[in-house]
Protein backbone atom coordinates (compact mmCIF):
# COMPACT_ATOMS: atom_id res chain seq x y z
CA MET A 1 -0.03 -0.03 -0.02
CA ALA A 2 1.20 3.43 -0.71
CA SER A 3 1.44 6.09 1.85
CA THR A 4 -1.78 6.44 3.74
CA ASP A 5 -3.14 9.97 3.00
CA LEU A 6 -6.13 11.74 1.87
CA GLU A 7 -6.09 9.42 -1.29
CA THR A 8 -8.19 7.03 0.77
CA GLU A 9 -11.18 8.81 -0.76
CA GLN A 10 -10.39 7.04 -3.89
CA GLN A 11 -10.27 3.64 -2.14
CA ARG A 12 -13.13 1.31 -1.52
CA PRO A 13 -14.97 2.28 1.69
CA ILE A 14 -13.93 0.14 4.74
CA TRP A 15 -17.45 -0.33 5.74
CA GLU A 16 -20.13 -2.00 3.47
CA LEU A 17 -23.62 -3.14 4.61
CA VAL A 18 -24.77 -6.27 2.85
CA ARG A 19 -27.32 -8.99 3.21
CA LEU A 20 -26.05 -11.89 5.26
CA SER A 21 -26.31 -14.17 2.31
CA ASP A 22 -23.91 -11.95 0.46
CA TYR A 23 -21.00 -12.22 3.08
CA ARG A 24 -17.80 -13.33 1.34
CA LEU A 25 -14.77 -14.71 3.10
CA PRO A 26 -11.40 -13.34 2.11
CA SER A 27 -9.33 -15.66 0.12
CA ALA A 28 -6.03 -16.93 1.52
CA PRO A 29 -2.86 -15.92 -0.31
CA THR A 30 -1.17 -18.55 -2.43
CA ALA A 31 2.27 -16.91 -2.76
CA THR A 32 3.65 -18.44 0.47
CA SER A 33 2.77 -22.04 -0.65
CA ALA A 34 4.14 -21.33 -4.22
CA ARG A 35 7.49 -20.16 -2.70
CA ARG A 36 7.72 -23.30 -0.48
CA GLY A 37 7.10 -25.54 -3.49
CA LEU A 38 9.82 -23.76 -5.44
CA SER A 39 12.28 -24.20 -2.61
CA SER A 40 11.41 -28.00 -2.45
CA LEU A 41 12.11 -28.28 -6.24
CA LYS A 42 15.45 -26.62 -6.04
CA ARG A 43 16.53 -28.87 -3.14
CA LEU A 44 15.30 -31.92 -5.18
CA PHE A 45 17.45 -30.98 -8.27
CA GLY A 46 20.47 -30.33 -5.96
CA ARG A 47 20.87 -26.47 -6.80
CA ARG A 48 23.37 -25.28 -4.09
CA GLN A 49 21.53 -23.07 -1.60
CA GLN A 50 23.17 -20.36 0.28
CA GLN A 51 23.30 -20.59 3.93
CA SER A 52 19.90 -19.92 5.36
CA GLN A 53 19.72 -16.48 7.11
CA GLY A 54 18.29 -16.13 10.54
CA PRO A 55 15.44 -13.65 11.35
CA VAL A 56 16.12 -9.87 10.98
CA LYS A 57 14.83 -9.60 14.55
CA THR A 58 14.54 -12.34 16.93
CA GLU A 59 11.78 -12.40 19.55
CA ASP A 60 14.56 -11.80 22.27
CA GLU A 61 15.49 -8.70 20.57
CA LEU A 62 12.05 -7.06 20.67
CA HIS A 63 9.40 -6.44 23.31
CA ARG A 64 5.68 -5.74 23.11
CA LEU A 65 4.56 -2.18 22.68
CA GLU A 66 3.45 -0.38 25.82
CA PRO A 67 -0.32 -0.16 26.17
CA GLU A 68 -0.38 3.55 25.54
CA ARG A 69 1.81 3.21 22.50
CA LEU A 70 -0.22 0.27 21.17
CA ASP A 71 -3.53 2.36 21.65
CA ALA A 72 -1.74 5.22 19.70
CA ILE A 73 -1.59 3.22 16.54
CA THR A 74 -4.37 0.72 16.94
CA SER A 75 -7.29 2.53 18.62
CA PRO A 76 -10.48 0.75 19.50
CA ILE A 77 -13.03 0.64 16.68
CA ASP A 78 -14.84 3.99 15.94
CA TRP A 79 -18.17 3.16 14.61
CA ARG A 80 -19.38 6.67 13.74
CA GLN A 81 -18.77 6.36 10.07
CA ALA A 82 -20.36 2.94 9.95
CA ALA A 83 -23.36 4.19 11.87
CA GLN A 84 -23.79 7.01 9.41
CA LEU A 85 -23.72 4.39 6.57
CA LEU A 86 -26.40 2.41 8.48
CA GLN A 87 -28.56 5.42 8.79
CA GLN A 88 -28.42 6.17 5.03
CA ALA A 89 -29.48 2.57 4.31
CA LEU A 90 -32.33 2.79 6.91
CA GLU A 91 -33.66 5.93 5.13
CA GLN A 92 -34.36 3.79 2.11
CA ARG A 93 -35.99 0.96 3.98
CA SER A 94 -39.54 -0.30 3.41
CA LYS A 95 -42.07 0.98 5.91
CA LEU A 96 -43.42 -2.54 6.12
CA ASP A 97 -40.16 -3.85 7.61
CA PRO A 98 -40.80 -4.55 11.38
CA ALA A 99 -37.06 -4.66 12.27
CA TRP A 100 -33.60 -4.99 10.70
CA PHE A 101 -31.14 -7.45 12.21
CA ILE A 102 -27.41 -6.69 12.15
CA ILE A 103 -25.54 -10.06 12.52
CA SER A 104 -22.20 -9.91 14.12
CA PRO A 105 -19.42 -12.48 13.99
CA PRO A 106 -17.76 -13.17 17.50
CA ALA A 107 -15.54 -10.27 18.73
CA ALA A 108 -16.55 -8.03 15.74
CA GLY A 109 -18.17 -5.49 18.13
CA TYR A 110 -21.13 -4.70 16.08
CA ALA A 111 -23.29 -4.02 19.32
CA GLY A 112 -21.01 -0.89 19.48
CA LEU A 113 -22.20 0.04 16.02
CA LEU A 114 -25.86 -0.09 17.03
CA GLU A 115 -25.12 1.90 20.26
CA THR A 116 -23.31 4.45 18.25
CA TRP A 117 -26.16 4.70 15.79
CA ALA A 118 -28.76 5.08 18.66
CA ALA A 119 -26.77 7.86 20.09
CA GLN A 120 -26.46 9.62 16.82
CA GLN A 121 -30.18 9.40 16.15
CA ALA A 122 -31.30 10.04 19.69
CA ALA A 123 -33.02 6.60 19.55
CA ALA A 124 -33.90 4.36 22.56
CA CYS A 125 -31.25 1.78 23.25
CA ILE A 126 -32.65 -1.13 25.05
CA PRO A 127 -30.32 -2.80 27.53
CA SER A 128 -30.15 -6.58 27.61
CA PRO A 129 -32.24 -8.46 30.16
CA THR A 130 -30.45 -10.27 33.04
CA TYR A 131 -30.19 -14.14 32.87
CA GLU A 132 -32.65 -14.34 35.78
CA ILE A 133 -35.24 -12.30 33.74
CA VAL A 134 -34.67 -14.57 30.50
CA ALA A 135 -35.15 -17.77 32.52
CA GLY A 136 -37.99 -16.28 34.63
CA ASP A 137 -40.66 -13.64 34.62
CA TYR A 138 -39.79 -11.56 31.48
CA SER A 139 -43.06 -9.96 30.96
CA GLY A 140 -42.10 -6.62 32.52
CA TRP A 141 -39.11 -6.39 30.19
CA LEU A 142 -41.21 -6.93 27.16
CA ALA A 143 -43.80 -4.40 28.34
CA ASP A 144 -41.05 -1.70 28.39
CA LEU A 145 -40.19 -2.05 24.86
CA PRO A 146 -41.11 1.04 22.74
CA THR A 147 -44.50 0.76 20.99
CA GLY A 148 -44.64 4.13 19.15
CA ASN A 149 -43.32 4.99 15.62
CA ALA A 150 -39.83 6.08 16.88
CA PRO A 151 -37.21 3.54 15.93
CA TRP A 152 -35.16 1.79 18.66
CA ALA A 153 -32.15 -0.40 19.06
CA LEU A 154 -31.49 -3.60 20.89
CA PRO A 155 -27.71 -4.29 20.50
CA ARG A 156 -27.60 -7.88 21.81
CA LEU A 157 -30.20 -10.20 20.98
CA GLU A 158 -27.99 -12.99 22.09
CA ARG A 159 -28.56 -11.98 25.61
CA CYS A 160 -32.25 -12.48 25.26
CA TRP A 161 -32.35 -16.33 25.30
CA LEU A 162 -30.59 -19.33 26.84
CA ARG A 163 -30.23 -22.87 25.21
CA HIS A 164 -32.57 -24.36 28.01
CA PRO A 165 -36.29 -25.08 28.17
CA ALA A 166 -36.76 -22.11 30.38
CA GLY A 167 -34.72 -19.72 28.44
CA LEU A 168 -36.59 -19.67 25.13
CA GLY A 169 -39.81 -17.87 25.70
CA LEU A 170 -38.56 -14.26 25.81
CA VAL A 171 -37.18 -14.36 22.22
CA ARG A 172 -40.16 -16.15 20.97
CA ASP A 173 -42.42 -13.57 22.39
CA LEU A 174 -40.27 -10.88 21.16
CA PHE A 175 -40.49 -12.04 17.66
CA ASP A 176 -44.36 -12.36 17.92
CA ARG A 177 -44.63 -8.73 18.96
CA LEU A 178 -42.32 -7.59 16.27
CA LEU A 179 -44.01 -9.49 13.44
CA SER A 180 -47.47 -8.45 14.62
CA GLY A 181 -46.56 -4.74 14.47
CA LYS A 182 -47.02 -4.20 18.31
CA LEU A 183 -43.49 -2.54 18.53
CA GLY A 184 -41.99 0.32 16.57
CA PHE A 185 -39.23 -0.25 14.20
CA GLY A 186 -36.42 -2.10 15.86
CA LEU A 187 -32.64 -2.20 14.95
CA ILE A 188 -31.50 -5.46 16.55
CA GLY A 189 -28.03 -6.85 16.79
CA CYS A 190 -27.32 -10.55 17.12
CA ASP A 191 -24.28 -12.63 17.35
CA SER A 192 -23.79 -14.82 14.20
CA TRP A 193 -23.85 -18.12 16.36
CA ALA A 194 -26.84 -17.21 18.27
CA TRP A 195 -28.69 -16.29 14.80
CA ALA A 196 -27.74 -19.72 13.27
CA TYR A 197 -29.51 -21.34 16.32
CA LEU A 198 -32.54 -19.10 16.46
CA ARG A 199 -33.35 -19.82 12.82
CA TYR A 200 -34.80 -23.03 14.29
CA LEU A 201 -36.73 -21.28 17.04
CA VAL A 202 -38.21 -18.20 15.47
CA PRO A 203 -39.31 -17.02 12.03
CA THR A 204 -36.07 -15.26 11.09
CA GLN A 205 -37.04 -15.60 7.42
CA ALA A 206 -39.58 -12.92 7.89
CA VAL A 207 -37.05 -10.22 8.67
CA ARG A 208 -34.16 -8.63 6.94
CA ALA A 209 -30.77 -9.98 8.12
CA LEU A 210 -27.64 -7.84 7.26
CA THR A 211 -24.00 -7.60 8.30
CA LEU A 212 -20.92 -5.70 7.44
CA GLN A 213 -18.94 -7.06 4.53
CA ALA A 214 -15.74 -9.00 5.44
CA LEU A 215 -12.50 -7.03 5.50
CA ASP A 216 -10.49 -8.43 2.59
CA GLY A 217 -6.71 -7.63 2.25
CA GLU A 218 -7.30 -4.37 0.63
CA ARG A 219 -9.85 -3.03 3.12
CA LEU A 220 -7.77 -4.45 6.01
CA ALA A 221 -4.59 -2.70 4.87
CA ASN A 222 -6.33 0.60 4.31
CA TRP A 223 -8.01 0.30 7.73
CA LEU A 224 -4.85 -0.46 9.62
CA GLY A 225 -3.05 2.23 7.71
CA GLN A 226 -5.73 4.67 8.90
CA LEU A 227 -5.18 3.65 12.47
CA ALA A 228 -1.38 3.98 12.27
CA ALA A 229 -1.65 7.37 10.53
CA GLY A 230 -3.44 8.62 13.56
CA GLY A 231 -7.06 8.30 12.69
CA ALA A 232 -9.70 6.19 14.45
CA ALA A 233 -10.73 2.83 13.07
CA GLY A 234 -13.15 3.54 10.32
CA SER A 235 -13.01 7.36 10.52
CA PRO A 236 -11.37 9.76 8.11
CA VAL A 237 -7.53 9.88 8.43
CA VAL A 238 -5.82 12.41 10.64
CA GLN A 239 -2.31 12.73 9.43
CA SER A 240 0.53 11.71 11.88
CA PRO A 241 3.48 14.17 11.65
CA ARG A 242 5.95 11.30 11.32
CA PRO A 243 6.13 8.45 8.65
CA ARG A 244 5.66 4.98 10.11
CA ARG A 245 6.81 1.67 8.56
CA PHE A 246 5.86 -1.81 9.81
CA ARG A 247 8.32 -4.50 8.84
CA HIS A 248 8.08 -8.18 9.37
CA ALA A 249 10.49 -9.29 12.19
CA GLN A 250 11.45 -12.56 10.29
CA SER A 251 12.06 -11.31 6.90
CA GLY A 252 12.28 -7.61 7.19
CA ASN A 253 9.63 -7.12 4.55
CA LEU A 254 7.82 -3.93 4.54
CA LEU A 255 4.17 -4.69 5.31
CA LEU A 256 2.63 -1.28 5.69
CA ALA A 257 3.87 2.37 5.25
CA VAL A 258 1.87 5.52 6.39
CA ASN A 259 2.55 9.15 5.75
CA ASP A 260 5.51 7.87 3.57
CA ASP A 261 6.43 7.58 0.06
CA GLU A 262 7.34 4.02 0.31
CA GLU A 263 5.21 1.61 -1.82
CA THR A 264 4.20 -1.94 -0.55
CA GLY A 265 0.99 -2.91 -2.29
CA ILE A 266 -1.35 -5.18 -0.55
CA THR A 267 1.14 -7.63 0.98
CA SER A 268 0.50 -11.44 1.34
CA GLU A 269 0.99 -11.01 5.01
CA LEU A 270 -2.10 -8.64 5.36
CA ARG A 271 -4.11 -10.96 2.96
CA TYR A 272 -3.32 -13.83 5.22
CA LEU A 273 -4.34 -11.79 8.34
CA ALA A 274 -7.72 -11.04 6.57
CA ALA A 275 -8.11 -14.72 5.90
CA GLN A 276 -6.98 -15.81 9.29
CA SER A 277 -9.70 -13.62 10.92
CA ARG A 278 -12.34 -14.58 8.46
CA GLY A 279 -12.56 -10.77 7.57
CA ASN A 280 -13.80 -10.05 11.27
CA PRO A 281 -12.58 -6.59 12.12
CA GLY A 282 -12.43 -7.21 15.82
CA VAL A 283 -10.45 -10.47 15.58
CA ALA A 284 -8.13 -8.95 12.82
CA LEU A 285 -7.49 -6.07 15.22
CA GLN A 286 -6.80 -8.24 18.33
CA LEU A 287 -4.34 -10.45 16.09
CA TRP A 288 -2.56 -7.46 14.59
CA ARG A 289 -2.19 -5.74 17.95
CA SER A 290 -0.68 -8.95 19.48
CA ARG A 291 2.01 -9.03 16.94
CA LEU A 292 3.45 -5.53 17.14
CA ARG A 293 6.84 -5.03 18.66
CA SER A 294 9.58 -2.53 19.23
CA GLU A 295 13.27 -2.98 20.21
CA PRO A 296 14.11 -2.55 23.83
CA ASP A 297 15.42 0.96 24.72
CA LYS A 298 14.18 2.03 21.33
CA PRO A 299 10.45 2.52 21.72
CA GLU A 300 10.42 4.54 18.60
CA ALA A 301 13.04 2.86 16.51
CA VAL A 302 14.01 5.15 13.60
CA GLU A 303 14.98 4.50 10.10
CA VAL A 304 16.69 7.07 7.86
CA GLU A 305 15.48 6.98 4.24
CA ALA A 306 18.14 5.73 1.82
CA ASP A 307 18.85 7.78 -1.24
CA ASP A 308 18.27 6.62 -4.72
CA GLU A 309 21.73 5.62 -5.32
CA SER A 310 21.84 3.25 -2.30
CA ASP A 311 18.46 1.81 -3.14
CA ALA A 312 19.71 1.07 -6.50
CA LYS A 313 22.82 -0.76 -5.21
CA ALA A 314 20.58 -2.73 -2.86
CA ASP A 315 18.33 -3.78 -5.73
CA ASP A 316 21.32 -4.83 -7.94
CA HIS A 317 22.72 -6.85 -5.05
CA ALA A 318 19.38 -8.65 -4.65
CA HIS A 319 18.59 -9.18 -8.25
CA ASP A 320 19.72 -12.91 -8.63
CA LYS A 321 18.30 -13.98 -5.25
CA THR A 322 15.35 -16.40 -5.02
CA ALA A 323 11.88 -15.18 -3.87
CA ASP A 324 12.46 -16.48 -0.42
CA LYS A 325 15.92 -14.95 -0.17
CA ALA A 326 14.64 -11.51 -1.51
CA GLY A 327 12.55 -10.83 1.49
CA GLU A 328 15.46 -11.67 3.76
CA ASN A 329 17.87 -9.42 1.85
CA LEU A 330 15.25 -6.60 2.17
CA GLY A 331 15.23 -7.28 5.85
CA ASP A 332 18.94 -6.98 6.10
CA LYS A 333 18.57 -3.61 4.42
CA ALA A 334 15.94 -2.70 6.85
CA SER A 335 18.04 -3.89 9.77
CA ASP A 336 20.96 -1.73 8.57
CA LYS A 337 18.79 1.38 8.51
CA THR A 338 17.68 1.47 12.21
CA ALA A 339 18.26 4.12 14.88
CA ASP A 340 22.00 3.48 14.98
CA ASN A 341 22.31 5.20 11.64
CA ALA A 342 20.32 8.12 12.63
CA GLY A 343 23.45 10.39 12.32
CA ASP A 344 22.65 10.64 8.59
CA GLU A 345 19.78 12.73 9.32
CA ALA A 346 22.03 15.79 9.04
CA GLY A 347 21.32 15.62 5.33
CA GLY A 348 17.76 16.56 6.00
CA LYS A 349 16.40 13.00 5.50
CA PRO A 350 13.13 12.39 7.29
CA GLU A 351 13.04 10.09 10.29
CA VAL A 352 10.83 7.08 9.92
CA GLU A 353 9.32 5.26 12.95
CA THR A 354 9.82 1.51 12.53
CA ILE A 355 7.36 -0.91 14.16
CA TRP A 356 8.09 -4.63 13.99
CA VAL A 357 5.60 -7.33 13.28
CA ALA A 358 6.07 -10.81 14.79
CA PRO A 359 5.28 -13.89 12.61
CA ALA A 360 1.79 -14.86 12.63
CA VAL A 361 0.94 -17.84 15.08
CA GLU A 362 -1.86 -20.34 14.49
CA LEU A 363 -3.08 -21.63 17.98
CA GLU A 364 -3.55 -25.36 18.11
CA LEU A 365 -6.03 -26.77 20.28
CA PRO A 366 -4.92 -29.24 23.11
CA SER A 367 -5.04 -32.89 22.11
CA GLY A 368 -7.74 -35.01 23.55
CA LEU A 369 -10.50 -32.56 23.55
CA ASP A 370 -13.86 -34.49 23.60
CA GLU A 371 -17.53 -34.04 23.76
CA ALA A 372 -17.54 -32.30 27.15
CA GLU A 373 -15.09 -29.60 25.93
CA ALA A 374 -17.08 -29.23 22.58
CA LEU A 375 -20.38 -28.65 24.53
CA ILE A 376 -18.64 -25.86 26.63
CA LEU A 377 -17.11 -24.10 23.54
CA HIS A 378 -20.49 -24.45 21.69
CA ALA A 379 -22.44 -22.96 24.34
CA LEU A 380 -20.10 -19.98 24.73
CA LEU A 381 -20.26 -19.17 21.11
CA LEU A 382 -24.04 -19.57 20.94
CA HIS A 383 -24.43 -17.00 23.76
CA ASP A 384 -21.42 -14.81 23.05
CA GLY A 385 -19.97 -15.70 26.24
CA LEU A 386 -21.48 -16.88 29.56
CA PRO A 387 -20.55 -16.52 33.22
CA THR A 388 -19.46 -19.66 35.12
CA GLU A 389 -22.73 -20.25 36.99
CA VAL A 390 -24.74 -19.94 33.88
CA VAL A 391 -22.54 -22.36 31.88
CA GLU A 392 -22.82 -24.90 34.70
CA GLY A 393 -26.53 -24.78 34.59
CA LEU A 394 -26.88 -25.20 30.95
CA LEU A 395 -24.71 -28.25 30.45
CA PRO A 396 -25.43 -31.90 31.53
CA HIS A 397 -22.22 -32.45 33.44
CA ALA A 398 -21.69 -32.05 37.21
CA ARG A 399 -20.86 -28.54 38.00
CA PHE A 400 -17.51 -29.27 39.45
CA GLN A 401 -16.59 -30.92 36.11
CA THR A 402 -17.76 -28.09 33.99
CA HIS A 403 -15.88 -25.61 36.18
CA SER A 404 -12.69 -27.83 36.07
CA LEU A 405 -12.93 -27.98 32.19
CA LEU A 406 -13.46 -24.11 32.06
CA LEU A 407 -10.23 -23.60 33.95
CA GLN A 408 -8.34 -26.12 31.73
CA LEU A 409 -9.40 -24.42 28.61
CA ALA A 410 -8.44 -21.08 29.99
CA ALA A 411 -4.94 -22.31 30.89
CA ALA A 412 -4.55 -23.40 27.28
CA GLU A 413 -5.71 -19.98 26.16
CA VAL A 414 -8.62 -21.25 24.32
CA ILE A 415 -11.05 -19.29 26.26
CA GLN A 416 -10.57 -16.33 28.76
CA SER A 417 -12.74 -14.65 31.48
CA GLU A 418 -13.48 -11.06 30.41
CA PRO A 419 -14.27 -7.95 32.55
CA ASP A 420 -18.12 -8.59 32.25
CA GLY A 421 -17.65 -11.90 34.10
CA CYS A 422 -18.12 -14.02 30.96
CA TRP A 423 -16.01 -16.66 29.49
CA ARG A 424 -15.34 -16.28 25.80
CA VAL A 425 -13.40 -18.07 23.24
CA THR A 426 -10.19 -16.08 22.53
CA ALA A 427 -9.60 -14.45 19.21
CA PHE A 428 -6.49 -16.46 18.70
CA ALA A 429 -8.30 -19.66 19.23
CA TYR A 430 -11.56 -18.90 17.43
CA ALA A 431 -10.55 -20.31 14.02
CA ALA A 432 -9.34 -23.58 15.59
CA VAL A 433 -12.38 -23.92 17.76
CA ARG A 434 -14.76 -23.29 14.84
CA SER A 435 -13.02 -25.97 12.75
CA PHE A 436 -13.06 -28.38 15.73
CA LEU A 437 -16.81 -27.89 16.22
CA ALA A 438 -17.67 -28.16 12.53
CA GLY A 439 -15.59 -31.29 12.33
CA ARG A 440 -17.77 -32.78 15.16
CA ARG A 441 -20.92 -31.77 13.14
CA PHE A 442 -21.97 -29.00 15.71
CA LEU A 443 -23.99 -26.07 14.31
CA VAL A 444 -21.88 -23.24 13.26
CA ASP A 445 -22.52 -19.86 11.99
CA ALA A 446 -22.77 -18.61 8.37
CA VAL A 447 -19.84 -15.92 8.65
């Protein structure tokens, strides 16, 4: 990608509202597999290989960014622009629609989108009922829903039901009221796993189900570039006074450049991140943040831009290298241009902040996971997380067994306990958990 600047007006918008059936997963890049195949052929035919070079920056040479520093370049998602897009779509809606449902993949944060929309439009934003209300007397909660013509928002439908005989009445009665016209127009958010299950309980085919289109490599690169340039996620870019370059710690390859003339294109690394996260902005952001590093005692490592002559020499030197070695040679060039060479700035060359990106990690689930663990993971995904006592009450196992399994899954970083008291599948384990459940023929979501 070229320097992130006001040219983003010519790029595809980051947020696109589409029907749920039109959601398209990003494609995984094939370049990495092709390079590995080429290397295997060279070894097979005996071509002499140069001694393999190590990583440009090892994990021991780097440390994670401080929280304040991390937030400065990867801020939480700002939903204001997407909320305006949603309002523009709502202005074209049919007056016969009783509600629109915004379907959110796990950790995508679309409940925040609905809350932002409600604040912008001064619309009522309905808080979720407690679990006690869902499984008990919910008549008062239903009676408090708006009945006039003004639109209202319910950001978390997944909190309005439990997979238990006593936990299904509220959501069924809610749909009855919506479809009978007893309520004003509702904008309702729902987790994608809950929606997959509710299709068998309530007439979801009678309402419009929408979602935000997956972030492919291009959208993801533009979005992360906006963040790094100083803009909130999804908002117009606010220029940072200093160029930033994100380099792969293993190869030294340039992955992203902002406020800078350096050209990167849409790298295979960012395409891979888009595919790894299934185009989910919340998951992609968490994975990206977890990989950002800086050098110890150099929280703002600096590169000095090389002049055209030195760049040309470097290009000539790398001309006969293989595709795999080319990335490593670029990394050597990057390594040579760190803060230790900052004395060259006397020539007026701009300082460039370098942020290192650790290699992607695919979390593997512990061996031996069985039906008991699968039931726990499925319950957590169906409800977008649950507190311990509710999980224990929903599953057929003894409470002490469920509690023990929760702790074991947490120790393996498959789930985590979050500030709201709920256990949730981690962003790092989500893809593996989804594949695990699908392999055991559990119901999975559509996105």
